[in-house]
Amino acid sequence: MTELSFEVRKATFHDMPMLAVMTFRLHEEIGTALSEQEERYVQAYIMHEFMAGNMCALVAVTTKRKKERIIGAVMFDIRLSPRGEFLAWGHHLYVDKEYRGGKVAKKLLIKGEDVAREHGAK
């Protein structure tokens, strides 16, 4: 069996639509599918929070024939707590079904912790 080759990188503005789709998939899988209005809200929220710098997002990508495919993502905030400490907390983590059970989620979380520390979070 061939080892899956993928990388984890910071998400870009162009990744935001796929992050929204992964959010929709997550809700469907846990039995809380979103209405069309809720989906529009989620898309707007993700774009706004990302552009405002309030949200950090990482994606796991595979590359085949020079084309990237996002196979997983983690989104989290880094905010100042009432005690004056920066804290990170996740919105969600999602990995495509066919890539679950491997290293994708673990690498997303490890890289997420690194990014949070870079922003001063404990």
PDB file of N, CA and C in Angstrom:
ATOM      1  N   MET A   1       0.834  -1.181   0.000  1.00  0.00           N
ATOM      2  CA  MET A   1       0.000   0.000   0.000  1.00  0.00           C
ATOM      3  C   MET A   1       0.881   1.248   0.000  1.00  0.00           C
ATOM      4  N   THR A   2       0.563   2.180  -0.856  1.00  0.00           N
ATOM      5  CA  THR A   2       1.338   3.407  -0.992  1.00  0.00           C
ATOM      6  C   THR A   2       0.941   4.406   0.088  1.00  0.00           C
ATOM      7  N   GLU A   3       1.945   5.038   0.664  1.00  0.00           N
ATOM      8  CA  GLU A   3       1.703   6.077   1.667  1.00  0.00           C
ATOM      9  C   GLU A   3       1.098   7.302   0.990  1.00  0.00           C
ATOM     10  N   LEU A   4       0.092   7.878   1.596  1.00  0.00           N
ATOM     11  CA  LEU A   4      -0.551   9.082   1.059  1.00  0.00           C
ATOM     12  C   LEU A   4       0.419  10.247   1.141  1.00  0.00           C
ATOM     13  N   SER A   5       0.585  10.947   0.053  1.00  0.00           N
ATOM     14  CA  SER A   5       1.446  12.123   0.016  1.00  0.00           C
ATOM     15  C   SER A   5       0.556  13.369   0.048  1.00  0.00           C
ATOM     16  N   PHE A   6       0.729  14.164   1.080  1.00  0.00           N
ATOM     17  CA  PHE A   6      -0.041  15.393   1.216  1.00  0.00           C
ATOM     18  C   PHE A   6       0.760  16.399   2.015  1.00  0.00           C
ATOM     19  N   GLU A   7       0.357  17.642   1.930  1.00  0.00           N
ATOM     20  CA  GLU A   7       0.983  18.688   2.738  1.00  0.00           C
ATOM     21  C   GLU A   7      -0.092  19.496   3.441  1.00  0.00           C
ATOM     22  N   VAL A   8       0.283  20.093   4.548  1.00  0.00           N
ATOM     23  CA  VAL A   8      -0.611  20.983   5.281  1.00  0.00           C
ATOM     24  C   VAL A   8      -0.062  22.392   5.108  1.00  0.00           C
ATOM     25  N   ARG A   9      -0.945  23.293   4.702  1.00  0.00           N
ATOM     26  CA  ARG A   9      -0.540  24.686   4.506  1.00  0.00           C
ATOM     27  C   ARG A   9      -1.637  25.609   5.011  1.00  0.00           C
ATOM     28  N   LYS A  10      -1.267  26.872   5.191  1.00  0.00           N
ATOM     29  CA  LYS A  10      -2.271  27.863   5.567  1.00  0.00           C
ATOM     30  C   LYS A  10      -3.240  28.050   4.415  1.00  0.00           C
ATOM     31  N   ALA A  11      -4.498  28.164   4.748  1.00  0.00           N
ATOM     32  CA  ALA A  11      -5.516  28.378   3.729  1.00  0.00           C
ATOM     33  C   ALA A  11      -5.388  29.784   3.153  1.00  0.00           C
ATOM     34  N   THR A  12      -5.804  29.922   1.915  1.00  0.00           N
ATOM     35  CA  THR A  12      -5.812  31.221   1.247  1.00  0.00           C
ATOM     36  C   THR A  12      -7.263  31.632   0.998  1.00  0.00           C
ATOM     37  N   PHE A  13      -7.431  32.850   0.550  1.00  0.00           N
ATOM     38  CA  PHE A  13      -8.767  33.342   0.219  1.00  0.00           C
ATOM     39  C   PHE A  13      -9.457  32.419  -0.791  1.00  0.00           C
ATOM     40  N   HIS A  14      -8.692  31.891  -1.725  1.00  0.00           N
ATOM     41  CA  HIS A  14      -9.255  31.031  -2.767  1.00  0.00           C
ATOM     42  C   HIS A  14      -9.730  29.679  -2.233  1.00  0.00           C
ATOM     43  N   ASP A  15      -9.282  29.302  -1.035  1.00  0.00           N
ATOM     44  CA  ASP A  15      -9.717  28.043  -0.415  1.00  0.00           C
ATOM     45  C   ASP A  15     -11.045  28.180   0.329  1.00  0.00           C
ATOM     46  N   MET A  16     -11.482  29.402   0.571  1.00  0.00           N
ATOM     47  CA  MET A  16     -12.663  29.624   1.413  1.00  0.00           C
ATOM     48  C   MET A  16     -13.930  28.912   0.915  1.00  0.00           C
ATOM     49  N   PRO A  17     -14.225  28.912  -0.381  1.00  0.00           N
ATOM     50  CA  PRO A  17     -15.433  28.175  -0.804  1.00  0.00           C
ATOM     51  C   PRO A  17     -15.380  26.688  -0.440  1.00  0.00           C
ATOM     52  N   MET A  18     -14.204  26.075  -0.574  1.00  0.00           N
ATOM     53  CA  MET A  18     -14.096  24.651  -0.231  1.00  0.00           C
ATOM     54  C   MET A  18     -14.205  24.448   1.276  1.00  0.00           C
ATOM     55  N   LEU A  19     -13.721  25.389   2.070  1.00  0.00           N
ATOM     56  CA  LEU A  19     -13.885  25.284   3.518  1.00  0.00           C
ATOM     57  C   LEU A  19     -15.362  25.343   3.882  1.00  0.00           C
ATOM     58  N   ALA A  20     -16.116  26.172   3.178  1.00  0.00           N
ATOM     59  CA  ALA A  20     -17.563  26.222   3.411  1.00  0.00           C
ATOM     60  C   ALA A  20     -18.205  24.886   3.045  1.00  0.00           C
ATOM     61  N   VAL A  21     -17.815  24.310   1.910  1.00  0.00           N
ATOM     62  CA  VAL A  21     -18.360  23.009   1.493  1.00  0.00           C
ATOM     63  C   VAL A  21     -18.047  21.937   2.538  1.00  0.00           C
ATOM     64  N   MET A  22     -16.846  21.956   3.075  1.00  0.00           N
ATOM     65  CA  MET A  22     -16.487  20.968   4.104  1.00  0.00           C
ATOM     66  C   MET A  22     -17.341  21.166   5.357  1.00  0.00           C
ATOM     67  N   THR A  23     -17.666  22.408   5.670  1.00  0.00           N
ATOM     68  CA  THR A  23     -18.548  22.684   6.801  1.00  0.00           C
ATOM     69  C   THR A  23     -19.934  22.096   6.538  1.00  0.00           C
ATOM     70  N   PHE A  24     -20.430  22.262   5.321  1.00  0.00           N
ATOM     71  CA  PHE A  24     -21.739  21.699   4.964  1.00  0.00           C
ATOM     72  C   PHE A  24     -21.709  20.175   5.090  1.00  0.00           C
ATOM     73  N   ARG A  25     -20.638  19.550   4.595  1.00  0.00           N
ATOM     74  CA  ARG A  25     -20.515  18.082   4.661  1.00  0.00           C
ATOM     75  C   ARG A  25     -20.494  17.605   6.110  1.00  0.00           C
ATOM     76  N   LEU A  26     -19.752  18.320   6.944  1.00  0.00           N
ATOM     77  CA  LEU A  26     -19.685  17.950   8.354  1.00  0.00           C
ATOM     78  C   LEU A  26     -21.072  17.951   8.976  1.00  0.00           C
ATOM     79  N   HIS A  27     -21.829  19.006   8.729  1.00  0.00           N
ATOM     80  CA  HIS A  27     -23.187  19.090   9.284  1.00  0.00           C
ATOM     81  C   HIS A  27     -24.075  17.970   8.748  1.00  0.00           C
ATOM     82  N   GLU A  28     -23.954  17.637   7.481  1.00  0.00           N
ATOM     83  CA  GLU A  28     -24.738  16.529   6.922  1.00  0.00           C
ATOM     84  C   GLU A  28     -24.378  15.218   7.606  1.00  0.00           C
ATOM     85  N   GLU A  29     -23.096  14.970   7.802  1.00  0.00           N
ATOM     86  CA  GLU A  29     -22.644  13.712   8.396  1.00  0.00           C
ATOM     87  C   GLU A  29     -23.072  13.549   9.850  1.00  0.00           C
ATOM     88  N   ILE A  30     -23.168  14.652  10.575  1.00  0.00           N
ATOM     89  CA  ILE A  30     -23.577  14.538  11.987  1.00  0.00           C
ATOM     90  C   ILE A  30     -25.079  14.714  12.164  1.00  0.00           C
ATOM     91  N   GLY A  31     -25.787  14.803  11.033  1.00  0.00           N
ATOM     92  CA  GLY A  31     -27.245  14.831  11.086  1.00  0.00           C
ATOM     93  C   GLY A  31     -27.860  16.190  11.346  1.00  0.00           C
ATOM     94  N   THR A  32     -27.104  17.249  11.100  1.00  0.00           N
ATOM     95  CA  THR A  32     -27.635  18.604  11.277  1.00  0.00           C
ATOM     96  C   THR A  32     -27.453  19.402   9.999  1.00  0.00           C
ATOM     97  N   ALA A  33     -27.955  18.855   8.900  1.00  0.00           N
ATOM     98  CA  ALA A  33     -27.805  19.516   7.602  1.00  0.00           C
ATOM     99  C   ALA A  33     -28.325  20.947   7.667  1.00  0.00           C
ATOM    100  N   LEU A  34     -27.645  21.838   6.963  1.00  0.00           N
ATOM    101  CA  LEU A  34     -27.989  23.255   6.984  1.00  0.00           C
ATOM    102  C   LEU A  34     -29.005  23.587   5.893  1.00  0.00           C
ATOM    103  N   SER A  35     -29.849  24.541   6.175  1.00  0.00           N
ATOM    104  CA  SER A  35     -30.772  25.046   5.154  1.00  0.00           C
ATOM    105  C   SER A  35     -29.967  25.911   4.184  1.00  0.00           C
ATOM    106  N   GLU A  36     -30.585  26.268   3.057  1.00  0.00           N
ATOM    107  CA  GLU A  36     -29.897  27.140   2.092  1.00  0.00           C
ATOM    108  C   GLU A  36     -29.521  28.473   2.734  1.00  0.00           C
ATOM    109  N   GLN A  37     -30.405  29.006   3.552  1.00  0.00           N
ATOM    110  CA  GLN A  37     -30.120  30.274   4.221  1.00  0.00           C
ATOM    111  C   GLN A  37     -28.941  30.113   5.178  1.00  0.00           C
ATOM    112  N   GLU A  38     -28.912  29.020   5.920  1.00  0.00           N
ATOM    113  CA  GLU A  38     -27.793  28.780   6.840  1.00  0.00           C
ATOM    114  C   GLU A  38     -26.489  28.579   6.070  1.00  0.00           C
ATOM    115  N   GLU A  39     -26.555  27.910   4.929  1.00  0.00           N
ATOM    116  CA  GLU A  39     -25.348  27.732   4.112  1.00  0.00           C
ATOM    117  C   GLU A  39     -24.809  29.078   3.640  1.00  0.00           C
ATOM    118  N   ARG A  40     -25.682  29.963   3.207  1.00  0.00           N
ATOM    119  CA  ARG A  40     -25.246  31.304   2.777  1.00  0.00           C
ATOM    120  C   ARG A  40     -24.607  32.050   3.948  1.00  0.00           C
ATOM    121  N   TYR A  41     -25.207  31.921   5.134  1.00  0.00           N
ATOM    122  CA  TYR A  41     -24.644  32.572   6.315  1.00  0.00           C
ATOM    123  C   TYR A  41     -23.244  32.019   6.608  1.00  0.00           C
ATOM    124  N   VAL A  42     -23.094  30.699   6.555  1.00  0.00           N
ATOM    125  CA  VAL A  42     -21.793  30.078   6.828  1.00  0.00           C
ATOM    126  C   VAL A  42     -20.749  30.568   5.834  1.00  0.00           C
ATOM    127  N   GLN A  43     -21.103  30.609   4.548  1.00  0.00           N
ATOM    128  CA  GLN A  43     -20.167  31.103   3.543  1.00  0.00           C
ATOM    129  C   GLN A  43     -19.741  32.535   3.847  1.00  0.00           C
ATOM    130  N   ALA A  44     -20.697  33.388   4.140  1.00  0.00           N
ATOM    131  CA  ALA A  44     -20.395  34.787   4.438  1.00  0.00           C
ATOM    132  C   ALA A  44     -19.544  34.898   5.701  1.00  0.00           C
ATOM    133  N   TYR A  45     -19.891  34.121   6.723  1.00  0.00           N
ATOM    134  CA  TYR A  45     -19.153  34.154   7.988  1.00  0.00           C
ATOM    135  C   TYR A  45     -17.693  33.743   7.778  1.00  0.00           C
ATOM    136  N   ILE A  46     -17.482  32.642   7.068  1.00  0.00           N
ATOM    137  CA  ILE A  46     -16.120  32.165   6.834  1.00  0.00           C
ATOM    138  C   ILE A  46     -15.315  33.217   6.081  1.00  0.00           C
ATOM    139  N   MET A  47     -15.882  33.766   5.024  1.00  0.00           N
ATOM    140  CA  MET A  47     -15.175  34.787   4.241  1.00  0.00           C
ATOM    141  C   MET A  47     -14.871  36.022   5.098  1.00  0.00           C
ATOM    142  N   HIS A  48     -15.865  36.487   5.850  1.00  0.00           N
ATOM    143  CA  HIS A  48     -15.680  37.683   6.676  1.00  0.00           C
ATOM    144  C   HIS A  48     -14.614  37.460   7.743  1.00  0.00           C
ATOM    145  N   GLU A  49     -14.726  36.382   8.491  1.00  0.00           N
ATOM    146  CA  GLU A  49     -13.782  36.127   9.581  1.00  0.00           C
ATOM    147  C   GLU A  49     -12.363  35.931   9.056  1.00  0.00           C
ATOM    148  N   PHE A  50     -12.238  35.259   7.926  1.00  0.00           N
ATOM    149  CA  PHE A  50     -10.912  35.055   7.335  1.00  0.00           C
ATOM    150  C   PHE A  50     -10.324  36.387   6.889  1.00  0.00           C
ATOM    151  N   MET A  51     -11.098  37.178   6.166  1.00  0.00           N
ATOM    152  CA  MET A  51     -10.608  38.462   5.661  1.00  0.00           C
ATOM    153  C   MET A  51     -10.303  39.443   6.794  1.00  0.00           C
ATOM    154  N   ALA A  52     -11.063  39.361   7.879  1.00  0.00           N
ATOM    155  CA  ALA A  52     -10.837  40.248   9.020  1.00  0.00           C
ATOM    156  C   ALA A  52      -9.640  39.791   9.866  1.00  0.00           C
ATOM    157  N   GLY A  53      -9.116  38.619   9.576  1.00  0.00           N
ATOM    158  CA  GLY A  53      -7.981  38.104  10.335  1.00  0.00           C
ATOM    159  C   GLY A  53      -8.371  37.481  11.658  1.00  0.00           C
ATOM    160  N   ASN A  54      -9.655  37.217  11.847  1.00  0.00           N
ATOM    161  CA  ASN A  54     -10.124  36.634  13.106  1.00  0.00           C
ATOM    162  C   ASN A  54     -10.056  35.117  13.129  1.00  0.00           C
ATOM    163  N   MET A  55      -9.903  34.494  11.968  1.00  0.00           N
ATOM    164  CA  MET A  55      -9.928  33.049  11.884  1.00  0.00           C
ATOM    165  C   MET A  55      -8.668  32.544  11.213  1.00  0.00           C
ATOM    166  N   CYS A  56      -8.115  31.482  11.748  1.00  0.00           N
ATOM    167  CA  CYS A  56      -7.002  30.794  11.109  1.00  0.00           C
ATOM    168  C   CYS A  56      -7.559  29.523  10.476  1.00  0.00           C
ATOM    169  N   ALA A  57      -7.081  29.194   9.323  1.00  0.00           N
ATOM    170  CA  ALA A  57      -7.521  27.982   8.648  1.00  0.00           C
ATOM    171  C   ALA A  57      -6.321  27.323   7.982  1.00  0.00           C
ATOM    172  N   LEU A  58      -6.274  26.009   8.121  1.00  0.00           N
ATOM    173  CA  LEU A  58      -5.243  25.208   7.482  1.00  0.00           C
ATOM    174  C   LEU A  58      -5.929  24.166   6.620  1.00  0.00           C
ATOM    175  N   VAL A  59      -5.292  23.806   5.518  1.00  0.00           N
ATOM    176  CA  VAL A  59      -5.834  22.770   4.651  1.00  0.00           C
ATOM    177  C   VAL A  59      -4.773  21.708   4.408  1.00  0.00           C
ATOM    178  N   ALA A  60      -5.247  20.479   4.247  1.00  0.00           N
ATOM    179  CA  ALA A  60      -4.390  19.372   3.825  1.00  0.00           C
ATOM    180  C   ALA A  60      -4.674  19.167   2.349  1.00  0.00           C
ATOM    181  N   VAL A  61      -3.630  19.140   1.539  1.00  0.00           N
ATOM    182  CA  VAL A  61      -3.819  19.036   0.090  1.00  0.00           C
ATOM    183  C   VAL A  61      -2.953  17.926  -0.506  1.00  0.00           C
ATOM    184  N   THR A  62      -3.517  17.281  -1.502  1.00  0.00           N
ATOM    185  CA  THR A  62      -2.752  16.370  -2.345  1.00  0.00           C
ATOM    186  C   THR A  62      -2.598  17.063  -3.688  1.00  0.00           C
ATOM    187  N   THR A  63      -1.568  16.710  -4.400  1.00  0.00           N
ATOM    188  CA  THR A  63      -1.351  17.301  -5.720  1.00  0.00           C
ATOM    189  C   THR A  63      -1.198  16.172  -6.736  1.00  0.00           C
ATOM    190  N   LYS A  64      -2.012  16.242  -7.768  1.00  0.00           N
ATOM    191  CA  LYS A  64      -1.960  15.259  -8.840  1.00  0.00           C
ATOM    192  C   LYS A  64      -2.004  16.025 -10.156  1.00  0.00           C
ATOM    193  N   ARG A  65      -1.020  15.769 -11.009  1.00  0.00           N
ATOM    194  CA  ARG A  65      -0.918  16.462 -12.293  1.00  0.00           C
ATOM    195  C   ARG A  65      -1.004  17.980 -12.128  1.00  0.00           C
ATOM    196  N   LYS A  66      -0.281  18.490 -11.159  1.00  0.00           N
ATOM    197  CA  LYS A  66      -0.186  19.929 -10.872  1.00  0.00           C
ATOM    198  C   LYS A  66      -1.501  20.548 -10.392  1.00  0.00           C
ATOM    199  N   LYS A  67      -2.472  19.722 -10.027  1.00  0.00           N
ATOM    200  CA  LYS A  67      -3.743  20.240  -9.530  1.00  0.00           C
ATOM    201  C   LYS A  67      -3.907  19.830  -8.057  1.00  0.00           C
ATOM    202  N   GLU A  68      -4.130  20.839  -7.220  1.00  0.00           N
ATOM    203  CA  GLU A  68      -4.320  20.583  -5.791  1.00  0.00           C
ATOM    204  C   GLU A  68      -5.745  20.116  -5.510  1.00  0.00           C
ATOM    205  N   ARG A  69      -5.860  19.221  -4.540  1.00  0.00           N
ATOM    206  CA  ARG A  69      -7.166  18.808  -4.045  1.00  0.00           C
ATOM    207  C   ARG A  69      -7.143  18.921  -2.522  1.00  0.00           C
ATOM    208  N   ILE A  70      -8.074  19.678  -1.984  1.00  0.00           N
ATOM    209  CA  ILE A  70      -8.159  19.814  -0.522  1.00  0.00           C
ATOM    210  C   ILE A  70      -8.854  18.573   0.019  1.00  0.00           C
ATOM    211  N   ILE A  71      -8.167  17.870   0.934  1.00  0.00           N
ATOM    212  CA  ILE A  71      -8.717  16.636   1.494  1.00  0.00           C
ATOM    213  C   ILE A  71      -9.083  16.776   2.966  1.00  0.00           C
ATOM    214  N   GLY A  72      -8.738  17.900   3.563  1.00  0.00           N
ATOM    215  CA  GLY A  72      -9.061  18.130   4.966  1.00  0.00           C
ATOM    216  C   GLY A  72      -8.788  19.568   5.350  1.00  0.00           C
ATOM    217  N   ALA A  73      -9.395  19.977   6.452  1.00  0.00           N
ATOM    218  CA  ALA A  73      -9.207  21.358   6.910  1.00  0.00           C
ATOM    219  C   ALA A  73      -9.482  21.457   8.404  1.00  0.00           C
ATOM    220  N   VAL A  74      -8.864  22.444   9.009  1.00  0.00           N
ATOM    221  CA  VAL A  74      -9.153  22.801  10.395  1.00  0.00           C
ATOM    222  C   VAL A  74      -9.268  24.321  10.444  1.00  0.00           C
ATOM    223  N   MET A  75     -10.262  24.805  11.179  1.00  0.00           N
ATOM    224  CA  MET A  75     -10.463  26.245  11.329  1.00  0.00           C
ATOM    225  C   MET A  75     -10.543  26.562  12.821  1.00  0.00           C
ATOM    226  N   PHE A  76      -9.884  27.641  13.221  1.00  0.00           N
ATOM    227  CA  PHE A  76      -9.892  28.020  14.630  1.00  0.00           C
ATOM    228  C   PHE A  76      -9.677  29.516  14.772  1.00  0.00           C
ATOM    229  N   ASP A  77     -10.065  30.028  15.930  1.00  0.00           N
ATOM    230  CA  ASP A  77      -9.868  31.436  16.280  1.00  0.00           C
ATOM    231  C   ASP A  77      -8.751  31.537  17.298  1.00  0.00           C
ATOM    232  N   ILE A  78      -8.090  32.678  17.293  1.00  0.00           N
ATOM    233  CA  ILE A  78      -7.155  33.021  18.361  1.00  0.00           C
ATOM    234  C   ILE A  78      -7.628  34.361  18.893  1.00  0.00           C
ATOM    235  N   ARG A  79      -8.083  34.347  20.122  1.00  0.00           N
ATOM    236  CA  ARG A  79      -8.660  35.557  20.722  1.00  0.00           C
ATOM    237  C   ARG A  79      -8.046  35.809  22.095  1.00  0.00           C
ATOM    238  N   LEU A  80      -8.181  37.031  22.532  1.00  0.00           N
ATOM    239  CA  LEU A  80      -7.712  37.431  23.854  1.00  0.00           C
ATOM    240  C   LEU A  80      -8.767  37.058  24.882  1.00  0.00           C
ATOM    241  N   SER A  81      -8.348  36.321  25.901  1.00  0.00           N
ATOM    242  CA  SER A  81      -9.281  35.910  26.951  1.00  0.00           C
ATOM    243  C   SER A  81      -9.483  37.055  27.934  1.00  0.00           C
ATOM    244  N   PRO A  82     -10.514  36.965  28.788  1.00  0.00           N
ATOM    245  CA  PRO A  82     -10.715  37.998  29.810  1.00  0.00           C
ATOM    246  C   PRO A  82      -9.516  38.139  30.756  1.00  0.00           C
ATOM    247  N   ARG A  83      -8.701  37.072  30.862  1.00  0.00           N
ATOM    248  CA  ARG A  83      -7.518  37.125  31.731  1.00  0.00           C
ATOM    249  C   ARG A  83      -6.289  37.673  31.003  1.00  0.00           C
ATOM    250  N   GLY A  84      -6.476  38.104  29.750  1.00  0.00           N
ATOM    251  CA  GLY A  84      -5.372  38.705  29.025  1.00  0.00           C
ATOM    252  C   GLY A  84      -4.454  37.718  28.322  1.00  0.00           C
ATOM    253  N   GLU A  85      -4.877  36.471  28.184  1.00  0.00           N
ATOM    254  CA  GLU A  85      -4.074  35.463  27.492  1.00  0.00           C
ATOM    255  C   GLU A  85      -4.681  35.197  26.115  1.00  0.00           C
ATOM    256  N   PHE A  86      -3.824  34.932  25.159  1.00  0.00           N
ATOM    257  CA  PHE A  86      -4.327  34.516  23.854  1.00  0.00           C
ATOM    258  C   PHE A  86      -4.634  33.026  23.913  1.00  0.00           C
ATOM    259  N   LEU A  87      -5.836  32.675  23.477  1.00  0.00           N
ATOM    260  CA  LEU A  87      -6.275  31.285  23.459  1.00  0.00           C
ATOM    261  C   LEU A  87      -6.757  30.930  22.060  1.00  0.00           C
ATOM    262  N   ALA A  88      -6.567  29.683  21.681  1.00  0.00           N
ATOM    263  CA  ALA A  88      -7.064  29.195  20.389  1.00  0.00           C
ATOM    264  C   ALA A  88      -8.158  28.176  20.668  1.00  0.00           C
ATOM    265  N   TRP A  89      -9.229  28.277  19.884  1.00  0.00           N
ATOM    266  CA  TRP A  89     -10.263  27.246  19.976  1.00  0.00           C
ATOM    267  C   TRP A  89     -10.794  26.973  18.588  1.00  0.00           C
ATOM    268  N   GLY A  90     -11.084  25.712  18.366  1.00  0.00           N
ATOM    269  CA  GLY A  90     -11.449  25.292  17.026  1.00  0.00           C
ATOM    270  C   GLY A  90     -12.910  25.461  16.693  1.00  0.00           C
ATOM    271  N   HIS A  91     -13.146  25.785  15.426  1.00  0.00           N
ATOM    272  CA  HIS A  91     -14.502  25.752  14.878  1.00  0.00           C
ATOM    273  C   HIS A  91     -14.821  24.314  14.534  1.00  0.00           C
ATOM    274  N   HIS A  92     -13.966  23.724  13.710  1.00  0.00           N
ATOM    275  CA  HIS A  92     -14.122  22.319  13.388  1.00  0.00           C
ATOM    276  C   HIS A  92     -12.926  21.787  12.607  1.00  0.00           C
ATOM    277  N   LEU A  93     -12.891  20.474  12.547  1.00  0.00           N
ATOM    278  CA  LEU A  93     -11.891  19.729  11.794  1.00  0.00           C
ATOM    279  C   LEU A  93     -12.662  18.801  10.875  1.00  0.00           C
ATOM    280  N   TYR A  94     -12.274  18.750   9.613  1.00  0.00           N
ATOM    281  CA  TYR A  94     -12.958  17.857   8.677  1.00  0.00           C
ATOM    282  C   TYR A  94     -11.928  17.224   7.748  1.00  0.00           C
ATOM    283  N   VAL A  95     -12.076  15.906   7.552  1.00  0.00           N
ATOM    284  CA  VAL A  95     -11.251  15.166   6.601  1.00  0.00           C
ATOM    285  C   VAL A  95     -12.198  14.375   5.715  1.00  0.00           C
ATOM    286  N   ASP A  96     -11.981  14.425   4.400  1.00  0.00           N
ATOM    287  CA  ASP A  96     -12.809  13.645   3.479  1.00  0.00           C
ATOM    288  C   ASP A  96     -12.828  12.183   3.918  1.00  0.00           C
ATOM    289  N   LYS A  97     -13.974  11.543   3.745  1.00  0.00           N
ATOM    290  CA  LYS A  97     -14.158  10.164   4.211  1.00  0.00           C
ATOM    291  C   LYS A  97     -13.064   9.219   3.727  1.00  0.00           C
ATOM    292  N   GLU A  98     -12.684   9.340   2.484  1.00  0.00           N
ATOM    293  CA  GLU A  98     -11.706   8.396   1.930  1.00  0.00           C
ATOM    294  C   GLU A  98     -10.301   8.559   2.499  1.00  0.00           C
ATOM    295  N   TYR A  99     -10.057   9.647   3.226  1.00  0.00           N
ATOM    296  CA  TYR A  99      -8.740   9.889   3.798  1.00  0.00           C
ATOM    297  C   TYR A  99      -8.723   9.780   5.326  1.00  0.00           C
ATOM    298  N   ARG A 100      -9.799   9.355   5.922  1.00  0.00           N
ATOM    299  CA  ARG A 100      -9.863   9.222   7.382  1.00  0.00           C
ATOM    300  C   ARG A 100      -9.119   7.978   7.848  1.00  0.00           C
ATOM    301  N   GLY A 101      -8.680   8.026   9.094  1.00  0.00           N
ATOM    302  CA  GLY A 101      -7.995   6.883   9.680  1.00  0.00           C
ATOM    303  C   GLY A 101      -6.490   6.892   9.444  1.00  0.00           C
ATOM    304  N   GLY A 102      -6.004   7.888   8.760  1.00  0.00           N
ATOM    305  CA  GLY A 102      -4.567   8.011   8.504  1.00  0.00           C
ATOM    306  C   GLY A 102      -3.984   9.152   9.310  1.00  0.00           C
ATOM    307  N   LYS A 103      -3.105   9.889   8.685  1.00  0.00           N
ATOM    308  CA  LYS A 103      -2.365  10.946   9.382  1.00  0.00           C
ATOM    309  C   LYS A 103      -2.880  12.352   9.102  1.00  0.00           C
ATOM    310  N   VAL A 104      -3.889  12.494   8.266  1.00  0.00           N
ATOM    311  CA  VAL A 104      -4.330  13.823   7.840  1.00  0.00           C
ATOM    312  C   VAL A 104      -4.795  14.664   9.025  1.00  0.00           C
ATOM    313  N   ALA A 105      -5.732  14.165   9.817  1.00  0.00           N
ATOM    314  CA  ALA A 105      -6.267  14.932  10.951  1.00  0.00           C
ATOM    315  C   ALA A 105      -5.168  15.266  11.959  1.00  0.00           C
ATOM    316  N   LYS A 106      -4.328  14.295  12.250  1.00  0.00           N
ATOM    317  CA  LYS A 106      -3.250  14.517  13.219  1.00  0.00           C
ATOM    318  C   LYS A 106      -2.313  15.634  12.756  1.00  0.00           C
ATOM    319  N   LYS A 107      -1.932  15.606  11.478  1.00  0.00           N
ATOM    320  CA  LYS A 107      -1.030  16.653  10.969  1.00  0.00           C
ATOM    321  C   LYS A 107      -1.707  18.022  10.951  1.00  0.00           C
ATOM    322  N   LEU A 108      -3.003  18.052  10.638  1.00  0.00           N
ATOM    323  CA  LEU A 108      -3.730  19.329  10.681  1.00  0.00           C
ATOM    324  C   LEU A 108      -3.725  19.895  12.098  1.00  0.00           C
ATOM    325  N   LEU A 109      -3.980  19.053  13.085  1.00  0.00           N
ATOM    326  CA  LEU A 109      -4.010  19.532  14.475  1.00  0.00           C
ATOM    327  C   LEU A 109      -2.631  19.955  14.971  1.00  0.00           C
ATOM    328  N   ILE A 110      -1.601  19.200  14.634  1.00  0.00           N
ATOM    329  CA  ILE A 110      -0.238  19.566  15.049  1.00  0.00           C
ATOM    330  C   ILE A 110       0.165  20.907  14.434  1.00  0.00           C
ATOM    331  N   LYS A 111      -0.096  21.061  13.150  1.00  0.00           N
ATOM    332  CA  LYS A 111       0.232  22.335  12.488  1.00  0.00           C
ATOM    333  C   LYS A 111      -0.620  23.470  13.066  1.00  0.00           C
ATOM    334  N   GLY A 112      -1.886  23.181  13.388  1.00  0.00           N
ATOM    335  CA  GLY A 112      -2.755  24.181  14.017  1.00  0.00           C
ATOM    336  C   GLY A 112      -2.189  24.660  15.342  1.00  0.00           C
ATOM    337  N   GLU A 113      -1.671  23.729  16.145  1.00  0.00           N
ATOM    338  CA  GLU A 113      -1.048  24.110  17.421  1.00  0.00           C
ATOM    339  C   GLU A 113       0.170  24.993  17.174  1.00  0.00           C
ATOM    340  N   ASP A 114       0.965  24.656  16.166  1.00  0.00           N
ATOM    341  CA  ASP A 114       2.150  25.472  15.838  1.00  0.00           C
ATOM    342  C   ASP A 114       1.743  26.893  15.449  1.00  0.00           C
ATOM    343  N   VAL A 115       0.722  27.009  14.592  1.00  0.00           N
ATOM    344  CA  VAL A 115       0.252  28.328  14.150  1.00  0.00           C
ATOM    345  C   VAL A 115      -0.291  29.118  15.339  1.00  0.00           C
ATOM    346  N   ALA A 116      -1.042  28.461  16.210  1.00  0.00           N
ATOM    347  CA  ALA A 116      -1.586  29.136  17.391  1.00  0.00           C
ATOM    348  C   ALA A 116      -0.449  29.668  18.272  1.00  0.00           C
ATOM    349  N   ARG A 117       0.583  28.868  18.475  1.00  0.00           N
ATOM    350  CA  ARG A 117       1.721  29.324  19.276  1.00  0.00           C
ATOM    351  C   ARG A 117       2.420  30.519  18.632  1.00  0.00           C
ATOM    352  N   GLU A 118       2.528  30.485  17.293  1.00  0.00           N
ATOM    353  CA  GLU A 118       3.156  31.601  16.561  1.00  0.00           C
ATOM    354  C   GLU A 118       2.379  32.907  16.806  1.00  0.00           C
ATOM    355  N   HIS A 119       1.079  32.794  17.049  1.00  0.00           N
ATOM    356  CA  HIS A 119       0.242  33.957  17.322  1.00  0.00           C
ATOM    357  C   HIS A 119       0.135  34.268  18.815  1.00  0.00           C
ATOM    358  N   GLY A 120       0.940  33.600  19.627  1.00  0.00           N
ATOM    359  CA  GLY A 120       0.979  33.881  21.063  1.00  0.00           C
ATOM    360  C   GLY A 120      -0.018  33.132  21.907  1.00  0.00           C
ATOM    361  N   ALA A 121      -0.737  32.166  21.312  1.00  0.00           N
ATOM    362  CA  ALA A 121      -1.727  31.411  22.088  1.00  0.00           C
ATOM    363  C   ALA A 121      -1.016  30.363  22.941  1.00  0.00           C
ATOM    364  N   LYS A 122      -1.649  30.072  24.063  1.00  0.00           N
ATOM    365  CA  LYS A 122      -1.095  29.051  24.967  1.00  0.00           C
ATOM    366  C   LYS A 122      -1.740  27.720  24.711  1.00  0.00           C
TER     367      LYS A 122
END
